[in-house]
Amino acid sequence: MKRILTALLAAGTLAGAALATSAPAEAYWRGGWGWGLGGFAAGALIGGALAAPYYNPYGYYGYYAPYPYPPPCVWRNVWNGYAWVRACV
């Protein structure tokens, strides 16, 4: 019973605060672009700088040595901590 009363009191407090602090909506043109156009321009500049291709003077991949072939697979029974299982070792 105590929890229900606490929940109702909290819900009533939040509803009262929401009603007391609400204001009517104002949907009219104020004549300026504000942060919208400036934010769009800044985002476009920063995004363009981050998306620019990276210049690598040694080519795209550089020098790399091919990996040797892996050793052949040998199937054996191994203990994995719970049961014996068949695994490539």
C-alpha atoms as a PDB file:
ATOM      1  CA  MET A   1       0.000   0.000   0.000  1.00  0.00           C
ATOM      2  CA  LYS A   2       2.886   2.296   0.785  1.00  0.00           C
ATOM      3  CA  ARG A   3       4.367   1.812  -2.698  1.00  0.00           C
ATOM      4  CA  ILE A   4       1.080   2.608  -4.420  1.00  0.00           C
ATOM      5  CA  LEU A   5       0.687   5.846  -2.459  1.00  0.00           C
ATOM      6  CA  THR A   6       4.282   6.814  -3.201  1.00  0.00           C
ATOM      7  CA  ALA A   7       3.784   6.132  -6.923  1.00  0.00           C
ATOM      8  CA  LEU A   8       0.546   8.160  -7.005  1.00  0.00           C
ATOM      9  CA  LEU A   9       2.189  11.044  -5.168  1.00  0.00           C
ATOM     10  CA  ALA A  10       5.155  11.017  -7.594  1.00  0.00           C
ATOM     11  CA  ALA A  11       2.846  10.863 -10.637  1.00  0.00           C
ATOM     12  CA  GLY A  12       0.738  13.736  -9.288  1.00  0.00           C
ATOM     13  CA  THR A  13       3.820  15.839  -8.603  1.00  0.00           C
ATOM     14  CA  LEU A  14       5.175  15.270 -12.107  1.00  0.00           C
ATOM     15  CA  ALA A  15       1.810  16.024 -13.716  1.00  0.00           C
ATOM     16  CA  GLY A  16       1.462  19.231 -11.709  1.00  0.00           C
ATOM     17  CA  ALA A  17       4.970  20.343 -12.627  1.00  0.00           C
ATOM     18  CA  ALA A  18       4.308  19.618 -16.305  1.00  0.00           C
ATOM     19  CA  LEU A  19       1.136  21.690 -16.279  1.00  0.00           C
ATOM     20  CA  ALA A  20       2.707  24.551 -14.341  1.00  0.00           C
ATOM     21  CA  THR A  21       5.712  24.898 -16.643  1.00  0.00           C
ATOM     22  CA  SER A  22       3.991  24.400 -19.996  1.00  0.00           C
ATOM     23  CA  ALA A  23       3.715  27.305 -22.445  1.00  0.00           C
ATOM     24  CA  PRO A  24       1.699  27.751 -25.638  1.00  0.00           C
ATOM     25  CA  ALA A  25       3.356  26.781 -28.899  1.00  0.00           C
ATOM     26  CA  GLU A  26       4.611  29.662 -31.034  1.00  0.00           C
ATOM     27  CA  ALA A  27       4.776  28.652 -34.692  1.00  0.00           C
ATOM     28  CA  TYR A  28       5.692  31.780 -36.590  1.00  0.00           C
ATOM     29  CA  TRP A  29       8.627  32.890 -38.717  1.00  0.00           C
ATOM     30  CA  ARG A  30      11.102  35.052 -36.872  1.00  0.00           C
ATOM     31  CA  GLY A  31      12.938  36.118 -40.007  1.00  0.00           C
ATOM     32  CA  GLY A  32      16.338  34.485 -39.453  1.00  0.00           C
ATOM     33  CA  TRP A  33      18.059  31.187 -40.038  1.00  0.00           C
ATOM     34  CA  GLY A  34      19.612  31.045 -36.573  1.00  0.00           C
ATOM     35  CA  TRP A  35      21.762  28.044 -35.784  1.00  0.00           C
ATOM     36  CA  GLY A  36      20.130  25.890 -38.452  1.00  0.00           C
ATOM     37  CA  LEU A  37      22.034  27.141 -41.483  1.00  0.00           C
ATOM     38  CA  GLY A  38      25.289  27.682 -39.562  1.00  0.00           C
ATOM     39  CA  GLY A  39      25.079  24.202 -38.029  1.00  0.00           C
ATOM     40  CA  PHE A  40      24.396  22.661 -41.416  1.00  0.00           C
ATOM     41  CA  ALA A  41      27.393  24.458 -42.935  1.00  0.00           C
ATOM     42  CA  ALA A  42      29.681  23.486 -40.057  1.00  0.00           C
ATOM     43  CA  GLY A  43      28.549  19.860 -40.284  1.00  0.00           C
ATOM     44  CA  ALA A  44      29.129  19.813 -44.035  1.00  0.00           C
ATOM     45  CA  LEU A  45      32.654  21.213 -43.655  1.00  0.00           C
ATOM     46  CA  ILE A  46      33.625  18.866 -40.842  1.00  0.00           C
ATOM     47  CA  GLY A  47      32.054  15.854 -42.571  1.00  0.00           C
ATOM     48  CA  GLY A  48      33.797  16.703 -45.831  1.00  0.00           C
ATOM     49  CA  ALA A  49      37.142  16.987 -44.068  1.00  0.00           C
ATOM     50  CA  LEU A  50      36.680  13.647 -42.308  1.00  0.00           C
ATOM     51  CA  ALA A  51      35.481  11.876 -45.448  1.00  0.00           C
ATOM     52  CA  ALA A  52      38.379  13.121 -47.612  1.00  0.00           C
ATOM     53  CA  PRO A  53      40.537  10.314 -48.985  1.00  0.00           C
ATOM     54  CA  TYR A  54      43.711   9.573 -47.085  1.00  0.00           C
ATOM     55  CA  TYR A  55      46.877  10.203 -49.076  1.00  0.00           C
ATOM     56  CA  ASN A  56      49.394   7.384 -48.807  1.00  0.00           C
ATOM     57  CA  PRO A  57      52.620   7.999 -50.785  1.00  0.00           C
ATOM     58  CA  TYR A  58      53.479   4.277 -50.772  1.00  0.00           C
ATOM     59  CA  GLY A  59      50.287   3.168 -52.506  1.00  0.00           C
ATOM     60  CA  TYR A  60      47.122   1.842 -51.035  1.00  0.00           C
ATOM     61  CA  TYR A  61      48.477  -1.330 -49.501  1.00  0.00           C
ATOM     62  CA  GLY A  62      52.202  -0.775 -49.242  1.00  0.00           C
ATOM     63  CA  TYR A  63      54.606  -3.687 -49.075  1.00  0.00           C
ATOM     64  CA  TYR A  64      53.341  -6.885 -47.622  1.00  0.00           C
ATOM     65  CA  ALA A  65      54.804 -10.368 -47.522  1.00  0.00           C
ATOM     66  CA  PRO A  66      52.496 -13.234 -48.368  1.00  0.00           C
ATOM     67  CA  TYR A  67      51.657 -15.467 -45.431  1.00  0.00           C
ATOM     68  CA  PRO A  68      52.942 -19.034 -45.561  1.00  0.00           C
ATOM     69  CA  TYR A  69      50.414 -21.804 -45.822  1.00  0.00           C
ATOM     70  CA  PRO A  70      49.063 -22.988 -42.469  1.00  0.00           C
ATOM     71  CA  PRO A  71      50.120 -26.387 -41.204  1.00  0.00           C
ATOM     72  CA  PRO A  72      47.846 -29.284 -42.137  1.00  0.00           C
ATOM     73  CA  CYS A  73      44.903 -29.952 -39.894  1.00  0.00           C
ATOM     74  CA  VAL A  74      45.063 -33.030 -37.644  1.00  0.00           C
ATOM     75  CA  TRP A  75      41.765 -34.090 -36.064  1.00  0.00           C
ATOM     76  CA  ARG A  76      42.136 -35.223 -32.463  1.00  0.00           C
ATOM     77  CA  ASN A  77      39.970 -35.698 -29.398  1.00  0.00           C
ATOM     78  CA  VAL A  78      40.540 -32.871 -26.900  1.00  0.00           C
ATOM     79  CA  TRP A  79      39.062 -32.086 -23.501  1.00  0.00           C
ATOM     80  CA  ASN A  80      37.335 -28.671 -23.467  1.00  0.00           C
ATOM     81  CA  GLY A  81      36.651 -28.639 -19.738  1.00  0.00           C
ATOM     82  CA  TYR A  82      33.246 -30.278 -19.981  1.00  0.00           C
ATOM     83  CA  ALA A  83      33.512 -33.135 -22.458  1.00  0.00           C
ATOM     84  CA  TRP A  84      35.728 -34.772 -25.030  1.00  0.00           C
ATOM     85  CA  VAL A  85      35.232 -33.116 -28.443  1.00  0.00           C
ATOM     86  CA  ARG A  86      36.788 -33.605 -31.863  1.00  0.00           C
ATOM     87  CA  ALA A  87      38.913 -30.603 -32.955  1.00  0.00           C
ATOM     88  CA  CYS A  88      41.465 -29.642 -35.547  1.00  0.00           C
ATOM     89  CA  VAL A  89      44.778 -29.231 -33.732  1.00  0.00           C
END
